[in-house]
């Protein structure tokens, strides 16, 4: 099980990390607007977490002899998802602290710019600015940073694990009692 979980978890995490490294600069320089980047980001997460499905299926077919309970499928899937999350978090922390330590400033500026463009009032802009200042202070704490990054990706992995475990469960056939 360890080999399958590590292989599929690292592949899935690699896909997420690569897509983040590609799309983040596009978002920060204005090529990709924030709403589209969020749609692209979560779509990428769903696609990357498809490897949870394939990992559970690989375990079922290659280790468990073609059968698997929901519980065991969930165990394999959630381990893959947790490894994926760990890779994603490590990639984000490396990118954030080494390449874009001004991310929160740039993000706040983009949010306020989009609000101005949509005609937000001065009061709404001020309120959002104050909210962004609080966010920057919180996000500077590495534990908050890690927690927020985990909250961003883990729910997608959990949902994909539950769906995959439900689809792939295949209990051992019950013996037919001869009459």
N, C-alpha and C. Protein backbone atom coordinates (compact mmCIF):
# COMPACT_ATOMS: atom_id res chain seq x y z
N UNK A 1 0.83 -1.19 0.00
CA UNK A 1 0.00 0.00 0.00
C UNK A 1 0.87 1.25 0.00
N UNK A 2 1.99 1.21 0.71
CA UNK A 2 2.84 2.39 0.86
C UNK A 2 3.32 2.90 -0.50
N UNK A 3 3.73 1.98 -1.37
CA UNK A 3 4.25 2.39 -2.68
C UNK A 3 3.15 3.07 -3.51
N UNK A 4 1.97 2.52 -3.51
CA UNK A 4 0.86 3.09 -4.28
C UNK A 4 0.48 4.46 -3.73
N UNK A 5 0.36 4.57 -2.42
CA UNK A 5 -0.02 5.83 -1.79
C UNK A 5 1.03 6.91 -2.08
N UNK A 6 2.30 6.57 -1.93
CA UNK A 6 3.35 7.54 -2.20
C UNK A 6 3.40 7.93 -3.68
N UNK A 7 3.33 6.95 -4.55
CA UNK A 7 3.40 7.23 -5.99
C UNK A 7 2.28 8.15 -6.43
N UNK A 8 1.04 7.79 -6.12
CA UNK A 8 -0.09 8.59 -6.56
C UNK A 8 -0.19 9.92 -5.82
N UNK A 9 0.19 9.95 -4.55
CA UNK A 9 0.18 11.20 -3.80
C UNK A 9 1.21 12.18 -4.32
N UNK A 10 2.41 11.70 -4.60
CA UNK A 10 3.46 12.58 -5.11
C UNK A 10 3.14 13.05 -6.53
N UNK A 11 2.58 12.18 -7.35
CA UNK A 11 2.18 12.60 -8.71
C UNK A 11 1.10 13.68 -8.65
N UNK A 12 0.10 13.45 -7.84
CA UNK A 12 -0.99 14.41 -7.70
C UNK A 12 -0.49 15.74 -7.15
N UNK A 13 0.34 15.68 -6.12
CA UNK A 13 0.92 16.89 -5.55
C UNK A 13 1.80 17.61 -6.55
N UNK A 14 2.53 16.86 -7.36
CA UNK A 14 3.38 17.45 -8.40
C UNK A 14 2.56 18.20 -9.44
N UNK A 15 1.43 17.64 -9.82
CA UNK A 15 0.55 18.32 -10.77
C UNK A 15 0.07 19.64 -10.19
N UNK A 16 -0.37 19.61 -8.93
CA UNK A 16 -0.84 20.84 -8.28
C UNK A 16 0.27 21.88 -8.15
N UNK A 17 1.43 21.44 -7.73
CA UNK A 17 2.55 22.37 -7.56
C UNK A 17 2.96 22.98 -8.90
N UNK A 18 3.01 22.18 -9.93
CA UNK A 18 3.39 22.68 -11.26
C UNK A 18 2.37 23.70 -11.78
N UNK A 19 1.10 23.39 -11.63
CA UNK A 19 0.06 24.33 -12.09
C UNK A 19 0.09 25.62 -11.28
N UNK A 20 0.37 25.53 -9.99
CA UNK A 20 0.47 26.74 -9.17
C UNK A 20 1.65 27.58 -9.65
N UNK A 21 2.77 26.92 -9.92
CA UNK A 21 3.96 27.66 -10.37
C UNK A 21 3.74 28.32 -11.72
N UNK A 22 2.88 27.74 -12.54
CA UNK A 22 2.60 28.31 -13.87
C UNK A 22 1.57 29.43 -13.79
N UNK A 23 0.50 29.21 -13.05
CA UNK A 23 -0.61 30.17 -13.05
C UNK A 23 -0.43 31.34 -12.10
N UNK A 24 0.30 31.15 -11.01
CA UNK A 24 0.46 32.23 -10.03
C UNK A 24 1.09 33.48 -10.63
N UNK A 25 2.17 33.38 -11.38
CA UNK A 25 2.72 34.60 -12.00
C UNK A 25 1.74 35.26 -12.96
N UNK A 26 0.95 34.46 -13.67
CA UNK A 26 -0.04 35.02 -14.60
C UNK A 26 -1.11 35.80 -13.85
N UNK A 27 -1.48 35.31 -12.69
CA UNK A 27 -2.48 36.00 -11.87
C UNK A 27 -1.90 37.28 -11.28
N UNK A 28 -0.69 37.20 -10.79
CA UNK A 28 -0.10 38.36 -10.12
C UNK A 28 0.26 39.49 -11.08
N UNK A 29 0.57 39.16 -12.33
CA UNK A 29 0.91 40.24 -13.28
C UNK A 29 -0.31 40.76 -14.03
N UNK A 30 -1.50 40.21 -13.74
CA UNK A 30 -2.73 40.72 -14.34
C UNK A 30 -3.16 40.03 -15.62
N UNK A 31 -2.37 39.06 -16.11
CA UNK A 31 -2.75 38.33 -17.32
C UNK A 31 -4.01 37.51 -17.08
N UNK A 32 -4.13 36.97 -15.90
CA UNK A 32 -5.27 36.14 -15.52
C UNK A 32 -5.97 36.82 -14.35
N UNK A 33 -7.28 37.14 -14.50
CA UNK A 33 -7.94 37.81 -13.39
C UNK A 33 -8.25 36.83 -12.26
N UNK A 34 -8.51 37.38 -11.08
CA UNK A 34 -8.63 36.56 -9.88
C UNK A 34 -9.75 35.54 -9.96
N UNK A 35 -10.90 35.91 -10.49
CA UNK A 35 -12.02 34.96 -10.55
C UNK A 35 -11.69 33.80 -11.49
N UNK A 36 -11.06 34.09 -12.61
CA UNK A 36 -10.68 33.02 -13.54
C UNK A 36 -9.57 32.16 -12.96
N UNK A 37 -8.67 32.76 -12.20
CA UNK A 37 -7.59 31.97 -11.61
C UNK A 37 -8.13 31.02 -10.56
N UNK A 38 -9.17 31.43 -9.84
CA UNK A 38 -9.77 30.54 -8.85
C UNK A 38 -10.47 29.37 -9.53
N UNK A 39 -11.17 29.64 -10.61
CA UNK A 39 -11.83 28.57 -11.36
C UNK A 39 -10.78 27.60 -11.91
N UNK A 40 -9.73 28.14 -12.48
CA UNK A 40 -8.65 27.31 -13.01
C UNK A 40 -7.97 26.52 -11.89
N UNK A 41 -7.75 27.16 -10.76
CA UNK A 41 -7.09 26.50 -9.63
C UNK A 41 -7.90 25.33 -9.10
N UNK A 42 -9.18 25.53 -8.88
CA UNK A 42 -10.01 24.44 -8.37
C UNK A 42 -10.24 23.36 -9.42
N UNK A 43 -10.30 23.73 -10.68
CA UNK A 43 -10.39 22.71 -11.75
C UNK A 43 -9.13 21.86 -11.76
N UNK A 44 -7.99 22.49 -11.59
CA UNK A 44 -6.72 21.76 -11.53
C UNK A 44 -6.70 20.82 -10.32
N UNK A 45 -7.24 21.29 -9.19
CA UNK A 45 -7.29 20.43 -8.01
C UNK A 45 -8.13 19.19 -8.27
N UNK A 46 -9.28 19.38 -8.90
CA UNK A 46 -10.14 18.23 -9.21
C UNK A 46 -9.40 17.26 -10.13
N UNK A 47 -8.76 17.79 -11.16
CA UNK A 47 -8.02 16.92 -12.07
C UNK A 47 -6.87 16.21 -11.36
N UNK A 48 -6.14 16.92 -10.52
CA UNK A 48 -5.02 16.30 -9.80
C UNK A 48 -5.54 15.23 -8.84
N UNK A 49 -6.66 15.50 -8.18
CA UNK A 49 -7.21 14.53 -7.24
C UNK A 49 -7.88 13.35 -7.93
N UNK A 50 -7.98 13.37 -9.25
CA UNK A 50 -8.41 12.17 -9.97
C UNK A 50 -7.41 11.04 -9.74
N UNK A 51 -6.19 11.40 -9.42
CA UNK A 51 -5.19 10.38 -9.12
C UNK A 51 -5.54 9.61 -7.85
N UNK A 52 -6.37 10.17 -6.98
CA UNK A 52 -6.89 9.42 -5.83
C UNK A 52 -7.70 8.24 -6.35
N UNK A 53 -8.57 8.50 -7.31
CA UNK A 53 -9.39 7.44 -7.91
C UNK A 53 -8.50 6.34 -8.48
N UNK A 54 -7.51 6.75 -9.28
CA UNK A 54 -6.65 5.77 -9.93
C UNK A 54 -5.76 5.04 -8.92
N UNK A 55 -5.37 5.72 -7.85
CA UNK A 55 -4.60 5.07 -6.80
C UNK A 55 -5.41 4.01 -6.07
N UNK A 56 -6.66 4.33 -5.74
CA UNK A 56 -7.53 3.34 -5.08
C UNK A 56 -7.76 2.16 -6.02
N UNK A 57 -8.01 2.45 -7.28
CA UNK A 57 -8.23 1.38 -8.25
C UNK A 57 -6.99 0.51 -8.40
N UNK A 58 -5.83 1.12 -8.42
CA UNK A 58 -4.58 0.37 -8.50
C UNK A 58 -4.41 -0.54 -7.29
N UNK A 59 -4.71 -0.01 -6.12
CA UNK A 59 -4.61 -0.81 -4.90
C UNK A 59 -5.59 -1.98 -4.98
N UNK A 60 -6.82 -1.70 -5.38
CA UNK A 60 -7.85 -2.75 -5.46
C UNK A 60 -7.41 -3.86 -6.42
N UNK A 61 -6.92 -3.49 -7.58
CA UNK A 61 -6.59 -4.48 -8.61
C UNK A 61 -5.26 -5.18 -8.36
N UNK A 62 -4.27 -4.46 -7.85
CA UNK A 62 -2.92 -5.02 -7.75
C UNK A 62 -2.54 -5.56 -6.38
N UNK A 63 -3.22 -5.11 -5.34
CA UNK A 63 -2.86 -5.54 -3.98
C UNK A 63 -3.99 -6.33 -3.35
N UNK A 64 -5.22 -5.86 -3.51
CA UNK A 64 -6.35 -6.45 -2.79
C UNK A 64 -7.08 -7.53 -3.58
N UNK A 65 -6.53 -7.97 -4.69
CA UNK A 65 -7.13 -9.08 -5.43
C UNK A 65 -8.47 -8.75 -6.09
N UNK A 66 -8.68 -7.50 -6.43
CA UNK A 66 -9.90 -7.12 -7.15
C UNK A 66 -11.08 -6.75 -6.28
N UNK A 67 -10.90 -6.79 -4.96
CA UNK A 67 -11.99 -6.40 -4.05
C UNK A 67 -11.47 -5.36 -3.08
N UNK A 68 -12.37 -4.50 -2.64
CA UNK A 68 -12.00 -3.49 -1.64
C UNK A 68 -13.28 -2.98 -0.97
N UNK A 69 -13.20 -2.78 0.33
CA UNK A 69 -14.34 -2.22 1.06
C UNK A 69 -14.28 -0.70 0.96
N UNK A 70 -15.37 -0.06 1.29
CA UNK A 70 -15.40 1.40 1.30
C UNK A 70 -14.35 1.93 2.28
N UNK A 71 -14.26 1.30 3.45
CA UNK A 71 -13.32 1.76 4.48
C UNK A 71 -11.87 1.69 4.02
N UNK A 72 -11.49 0.59 3.42
CA UNK A 72 -10.11 0.45 2.95
C UNK A 72 -9.86 1.40 1.78
N UNK A 73 -10.83 1.54 0.88
CA UNK A 73 -10.69 2.47 -0.24
C UNK A 73 -10.55 3.90 0.28
N UNK A 74 -11.32 4.24 1.31
CA UNK A 74 -11.22 5.57 1.91
C UNK A 74 -9.84 5.76 2.53
N UNK A 75 -9.34 4.73 3.21
CA UNK A 75 -8.01 4.82 3.85
C UNK A 75 -6.93 5.08 2.81
N UNK A 76 -6.94 4.33 1.72
CA UNK A 76 -5.95 4.52 0.66
C UNK A 76 -6.10 5.91 0.05
N UNK A 77 -7.33 6.30 -0.24
CA UNK A 77 -7.59 7.59 -0.88
C UNK A 77 -7.21 8.77 -0.01
N UNK A 78 -7.53 8.71 1.27
CA UNK A 78 -7.23 9.86 2.14
C UNK A 78 -5.73 9.99 2.36
N UNK A 79 -5.01 8.88 2.37
CA UNK A 79 -3.55 8.96 2.48
C UNK A 79 -2.95 9.61 1.23
N UNK A 80 -3.47 9.25 0.07
CA UNK A 80 -3.02 9.89 -1.17
C UNK A 80 -3.34 11.38 -1.12
N UNK A 81 -4.55 11.71 -0.68
CA UNK A 81 -4.95 13.12 -0.61
C UNK A 81 -4.08 13.90 0.38
N UNK A 82 -3.74 13.30 1.50
CA UNK A 82 -2.90 13.99 2.49
C UNK A 82 -1.49 14.23 1.96
N UNK A 83 -0.95 13.26 1.22
CA UNK A 83 0.37 13.47 0.62
C UNK A 83 0.29 14.57 -0.43
N UNK A 84 -0.77 14.57 -1.21
CA UNK A 84 -0.98 15.63 -2.20
C UNK A 84 -1.02 16.99 -1.52
N UNK A 85 -1.77 17.08 -0.43
CA UNK A 85 -1.87 18.34 0.32
C UNK A 85 -0.51 18.77 0.86
N UNK A 86 0.25 17.82 1.37
CA UNK A 86 1.58 18.13 1.91
C UNK A 86 2.50 18.69 0.82
N UNK A 87 2.47 18.08 -0.35
CA UNK A 87 3.31 18.56 -1.47
C UNK A 87 2.87 19.97 -1.86
N UNK A 88 1.57 20.18 -1.94
CA UNK A 88 1.02 21.48 -2.32
C UNK A 88 1.44 22.55 -1.30
N UNK A 89 1.34 22.23 -0.03
CA UNK A 89 1.70 23.18 1.03
C UNK A 89 3.19 23.49 0.98
N UNK A 90 4.02 22.47 0.85
CA UNK A 90 5.47 22.70 0.79
C UNK A 90 5.81 23.57 -0.42
N UNK A 91 5.19 23.26 -1.57
CA UNK A 91 5.45 24.06 -2.77
C UNK A 91 5.03 25.51 -2.55
N UNK A 92 3.87 25.72 -1.94
CA UNK A 92 3.40 27.09 -1.69
C UNK A 92 4.34 27.82 -0.75
N UNK A 93 4.76 27.17 0.33
CA UNK A 93 5.63 27.82 1.30
C UNK A 93 6.96 28.21 0.65
N UNK A 94 7.50 27.35 -0.19
CA UNK A 94 8.75 27.66 -0.90
C UNK A 94 8.54 28.85 -1.83
N UNK A 95 7.47 28.81 -2.61
CA UNK A 95 7.19 29.89 -3.55
C UNK A 95 6.93 31.20 -2.80
N UNK A 96 6.10 31.13 -1.77
CA UNK A 96 5.72 32.33 -1.03
C UNK A 96 6.92 33.00 -0.36
N UNK A 97 7.66 32.24 0.42
CA UNK A 97 8.73 32.86 1.20
C UNK A 97 9.99 33.18 0.38
N UNK A 98 10.21 32.47 -0.72
CA UNK A 98 11.44 32.69 -1.49
C UNK A 98 11.26 33.51 -2.76
N UNK A 99 10.07 33.49 -3.36
CA UNK A 99 9.90 34.14 -4.65
C UNK A 99 8.90 35.29 -4.66
N UNK A 100 7.87 35.20 -3.83
CA UNK A 100 6.87 36.28 -3.78
C UNK A 100 6.48 36.62 -2.35
N UNK A 101 7.46 37.08 -1.55
CA UNK A 101 7.13 37.42 -0.17
C UNK A 101 6.16 38.60 -0.07
N UNK A 102 6.00 39.34 -1.17
CA UNK A 102 5.04 40.44 -1.20
C UNK A 102 3.69 40.01 -1.77
N UNK A 103 3.42 38.71 -1.75
CA UNK A 103 2.17 38.19 -2.31
C UNK A 103 0.94 38.87 -1.72
N UNK A 104 0.89 39.02 -0.40
CA UNK A 104 -0.30 39.60 0.23
C UNK A 104 -0.51 41.05 -0.22
N UNK A 105 0.56 41.80 -0.38
CA UNK A 105 0.44 43.18 -0.87
C UNK A 105 -0.10 43.19 -2.30
N UNK A 106 0.46 42.33 -3.12
CA UNK A 106 0.04 42.26 -4.53
C UNK A 106 -1.40 41.76 -4.65
N UNK A 107 -1.75 40.77 -3.83
CA UNK A 107 -3.11 40.24 -3.84
C UNK A 107 -4.11 41.31 -3.40
N UNK A 108 -3.78 42.01 -2.33
CA UNK A 108 -4.67 43.07 -1.83
C UNK A 108 -4.84 44.17 -2.88
N UNK A 109 -3.76 44.55 -3.53
CA UNK A 109 -3.84 45.58 -4.58
C UNK A 109 -4.74 45.11 -5.72
N UNK A 110 -4.63 43.84 -6.12
CA UNK A 110 -5.47 43.31 -7.20
C UNK A 110 -6.94 43.29 -6.81
N UNK A 111 -7.23 42.89 -5.58
CA UNK A 111 -8.62 42.85 -5.11
C UNK A 111 -9.21 44.26 -5.11
N UNK A 112 -8.48 45.22 -4.58
CA UNK A 112 -8.97 46.60 -4.53
C UNK A 112 -9.11 47.18 -5.94
N UNK A 113 -8.18 46.86 -6.82
CA UNK A 113 -8.25 47.32 -8.20
C UNK A 113 -9.49 46.78 -8.90
N UNK A 114 -9.79 45.51 -8.69
CA UNK A 114 -10.99 44.91 -9.30
C UNK A 114 -12.27 45.50 -8.70
N UNK A 115 -12.23 45.81 -7.40
CA UNK A 115 -13.39 46.45 -6.77
C UNK A 115 -13.63 47.85 -7.35
N UNK A 116 -12.54 48.61 -7.52
CA UNK A 116 -12.65 49.95 -8.11
C UNK A 116 -13.22 49.87 -9.53
N UNK A 117 -12.71 48.93 -10.30
CA UNK A 117 -13.16 48.77 -11.69
C UNK A 117 -14.64 48.40 -11.76
N UNK A 118 -15.13 47.71 -10.73
CA UNK A 118 -16.55 47.33 -10.74
C UNK A 118 -17.43 48.41 -10.12
N UNK A 119 -16.83 49.54 -9.71
CA UNK A 119 -17.62 50.66 -9.22
C UNK A 119 -17.92 50.63 -7.73
N UNK A 120 -17.09 49.99 -6.94
CA UNK A 120 -17.32 49.93 -5.50
C UNK A 120 -17.20 51.32 -4.88
N UNK A 121 -17.97 51.53 -3.83
CA UNK A 121 -17.95 52.83 -3.14
C UNK A 121 -16.66 52.99 -2.34
N UNK A 122 -16.37 54.24 -1.96
CA UNK A 122 -15.19 54.51 -1.15
C UNK A 122 -15.27 53.79 0.20
N UNK A 123 -16.46 53.72 0.76
CA UNK A 123 -16.65 53.03 2.06
C UNK A 123 -16.34 51.54 1.90
N UNK A 124 -16.80 50.94 0.81
CA UNK A 124 -16.54 49.52 0.57
C UNK A 124 -15.06 49.28 0.35
N UNK A 125 -14.42 50.19 -0.38
CA UNK A 125 -12.97 50.06 -0.61
C UNK A 125 -12.18 50.19 0.69
N UNK A 126 -12.58 51.12 1.53
CA UNK A 126 -11.91 51.30 2.82
C UNK A 126 -12.09 50.06 3.69
N UNK A 127 -13.30 49.54 3.74
CA UNK A 127 -13.57 48.34 4.55
C UNK A 127 -12.74 47.16 4.04
N UNK A 128 -12.67 47.00 2.73
CA UNK A 128 -11.88 45.91 2.14
C UNK A 128 -10.39 46.11 2.42
N UNK A 129 -9.93 47.35 2.35
CA UNK A 129 -8.53 47.64 2.65
C UNK A 129 -8.18 47.25 4.09
N UNK A 130 -9.06 47.58 5.02
CA UNK A 130 -8.84 47.22 6.43
C UNK A 130 -8.84 45.70 6.62
N UNK A 131 -9.75 45.04 5.91
CA UNK A 131 -9.81 43.58 5.98
C UNK A 131 -8.52 42.97 5.42
N UNK A 132 -8.00 43.52 4.36
CA UNK A 132 -6.77 43.03 3.75
C UNK A 132 -5.57 43.25 4.67
N UNK A 133 -5.55 44.36 5.40
CA UNK A 133 -4.46 44.61 6.34
C UNK A 133 -4.46 43.56 7.46
N UNK A 134 -5.64 43.21 7.95
CA UNK A 134 -5.74 42.15 8.96
C UNK A 134 -5.29 40.81 8.38
N UNK A 135 -5.69 40.54 7.14
CA UNK A 135 -5.29 39.30 6.46
C UNK A 135 -3.77 39.22 6.35
N UNK A 136 -3.12 40.32 5.97
CA UNK A 136 -1.66 40.34 5.83
C UNK A 136 -0.97 39.99 7.14
N UNK A 137 -1.47 40.55 8.25
CA UNK A 137 -0.87 40.27 9.56
C UNK A 137 -1.03 38.80 9.92
N UNK A 138 -2.22 38.26 9.70
CA UNK A 138 -2.46 36.85 9.99
C UNK A 138 -1.59 35.94 9.12
N UNK A 139 -1.54 36.25 7.84
CA UNK A 139 -0.86 35.40 6.86
C UNK A 139 0.65 35.39 7.05
N UNK A 140 1.20 36.36 7.76
CA UNK A 140 2.63 36.40 8.04
C UNK A 140 3.04 35.29 9.02
N UNK A 141 2.09 34.80 9.82
CA UNK A 141 2.33 33.69 10.73
C UNK A 141 2.36 32.39 9.92
N UNK A 142 3.47 31.66 9.96
CA UNK A 142 3.62 30.47 9.12
C UNK A 142 2.55 29.41 9.41
N UNK A 143 2.11 29.30 10.66
CA UNK A 143 1.11 28.30 10.99
C UNK A 143 -0.26 28.66 10.41
N UNK A 144 -0.59 29.93 10.43
CA UNK A 144 -1.82 30.39 9.80
C UNK A 144 -1.71 30.20 8.28
N UNK A 145 -0.56 30.52 7.74
CA UNK A 145 -0.29 30.37 6.32
C UNK A 145 -0.49 28.91 5.90
N UNK A 146 0.11 27.99 6.64
CA UNK A 146 -0.03 26.56 6.33
C UNK A 146 -1.48 26.13 6.48
N UNK A 147 -2.13 26.56 7.56
CA UNK A 147 -3.53 26.19 7.78
C UNK A 147 -4.45 26.68 6.67
N UNK A 148 -4.25 27.92 6.25
CA UNK A 148 -5.10 28.45 5.18
C UNK A 148 -4.83 27.72 3.86
N UNK A 149 -3.59 27.36 3.62
CA UNK A 149 -3.26 26.62 2.40
C UNK A 149 -3.89 25.23 2.45
N UNK A 150 -3.87 24.59 3.60
CA UNK A 150 -4.50 23.28 3.76
C UNK A 150 -6.01 23.37 3.55
N UNK A 151 -6.63 24.38 4.12
CA UNK A 151 -8.08 24.55 3.98
C UNK A 151 -8.46 24.79 2.52
N UNK A 152 -7.56 25.36 1.76
CA UNK A 152 -7.82 25.61 0.35
C UNK A 152 -7.90 24.32 -0.46
N UNK A 153 -7.07 23.34 -0.14
CA UNK A 153 -6.94 22.16 -0.99
C UNK A 153 -7.57 20.90 -0.39
N UNK A 154 -7.55 20.73 0.92
CA UNK A 154 -8.01 19.49 1.53
C UNK A 154 -9.47 19.14 1.25
N UNK A 155 -10.42 20.09 1.31
CA UNK A 155 -11.80 19.72 1.05
C UNK A 155 -12.01 19.06 -0.33
N UNK A 156 -11.27 19.52 -1.32
CA UNK A 156 -11.38 18.91 -2.65
C UNK A 156 -10.88 17.48 -2.60
N UNK A 157 -9.77 17.25 -1.91
CA UNK A 157 -9.24 15.90 -1.77
C UNK A 157 -10.17 14.99 -1.00
N UNK A 158 -10.79 15.51 0.04
CA UNK A 158 -11.74 14.71 0.83
C UNK A 158 -12.94 14.31 -0.01
N UNK A 159 -13.50 15.24 -0.75
CA UNK A 159 -14.66 14.94 -1.60
C UNK A 159 -14.29 13.90 -2.66
N UNK A 160 -13.12 14.10 -3.30
CA UNK A 160 -12.70 13.14 -4.32
C UNK A 160 -12.45 11.76 -3.71
N UNK A 161 -11.95 11.72 -2.47
CA UNK A 161 -11.73 10.44 -1.80
C UNK A 161 -13.05 9.75 -1.51
N UNK A 162 -14.01 10.48 -0.98
CA UNK A 162 -15.32 9.89 -0.67
C UNK A 162 -16.01 9.36 -1.93
N UNK A 163 -16.00 10.17 -2.98
CA UNK A 163 -16.64 9.75 -4.23
C UNK A 163 -15.92 8.53 -4.82
N UNK A 164 -14.60 8.57 -4.84
CA UNK A 164 -13.82 7.46 -5.40
C UNK A 164 -14.02 6.18 -4.60
N UNK A 165 -14.01 6.28 -3.28
CA UNK A 165 -14.20 5.10 -2.43
C UNK A 165 -15.59 4.51 -2.65
N UNK A 166 -16.59 5.36 -2.82
CA UNK A 166 -17.95 4.87 -3.07
C UNK A 166 -18.06 4.19 -4.43
N UNK A 167 -17.44 4.76 -5.44
CA UNK A 167 -17.51 4.19 -6.79
C UNK A 167 -16.72 2.88 -6.88
N UNK A 168 -15.55 2.84 -6.26
CA UNK A 168 -14.64 1.71 -6.44
C UNK A 168 -14.84 0.57 -5.45
N UNK A 169 -15.67 0.75 -4.43
CA UNK A 169 -15.84 -0.34 -3.47
C UNK A 169 -16.37 -1.57 -4.20
N UNK A 170 -15.80 -2.67 -3.86
CA UNK A 170 -16.16 -3.92 -4.51
C UNK A 170 -15.91 -5.02 -3.48
N UNK A 171 -16.92 -5.31 -2.68
CA UNK A 171 -16.71 -6.30 -1.63
C UNK A 171 -16.52 -7.70 -2.21
N UNK A 172 -15.95 -8.56 -1.39
CA UNK A 172 -15.75 -9.95 -1.80
C UNK A 172 -17.11 -10.59 -1.98
N UNK A 173 -17.27 -11.34 -3.06
CA UNK A 173 -18.58 -11.97 -3.27
C UNK A 173 -18.89 -12.96 -2.15
N UNK A 174 -20.15 -12.95 -1.76
CA UNK A 174 -20.57 -13.89 -0.71
C UNK A 174 -20.73 -15.26 -1.34
N UNK A 175 -20.40 -16.25 -0.57
CA UNK A 175 -20.50 -17.63 -1.07
C UNK A 175 -21.97 -18.00 -1.22
N UNK A 176 -22.25 -18.69 -2.28
CA UNK A 176 -23.62 -19.14 -2.54
C UNK A 176 -23.81 -20.45 -1.77
N UNK A 177 -24.84 -20.50 -0.97
CA UNK A 177 -25.12 -21.69 -0.17
C UNK A 177 -25.89 -22.66 -1.03
N UNK A 178 -25.37 -23.90 -1.14
CA UNK A 178 -26.04 -24.92 -1.95
C UNK A 178 -27.24 -25.45 -1.19
N UNK A 179 -28.33 -25.63 -1.90
CA UNK A 179 -29.54 -26.10 -1.25
C UNK A 179 -29.62 -27.59 -1.26
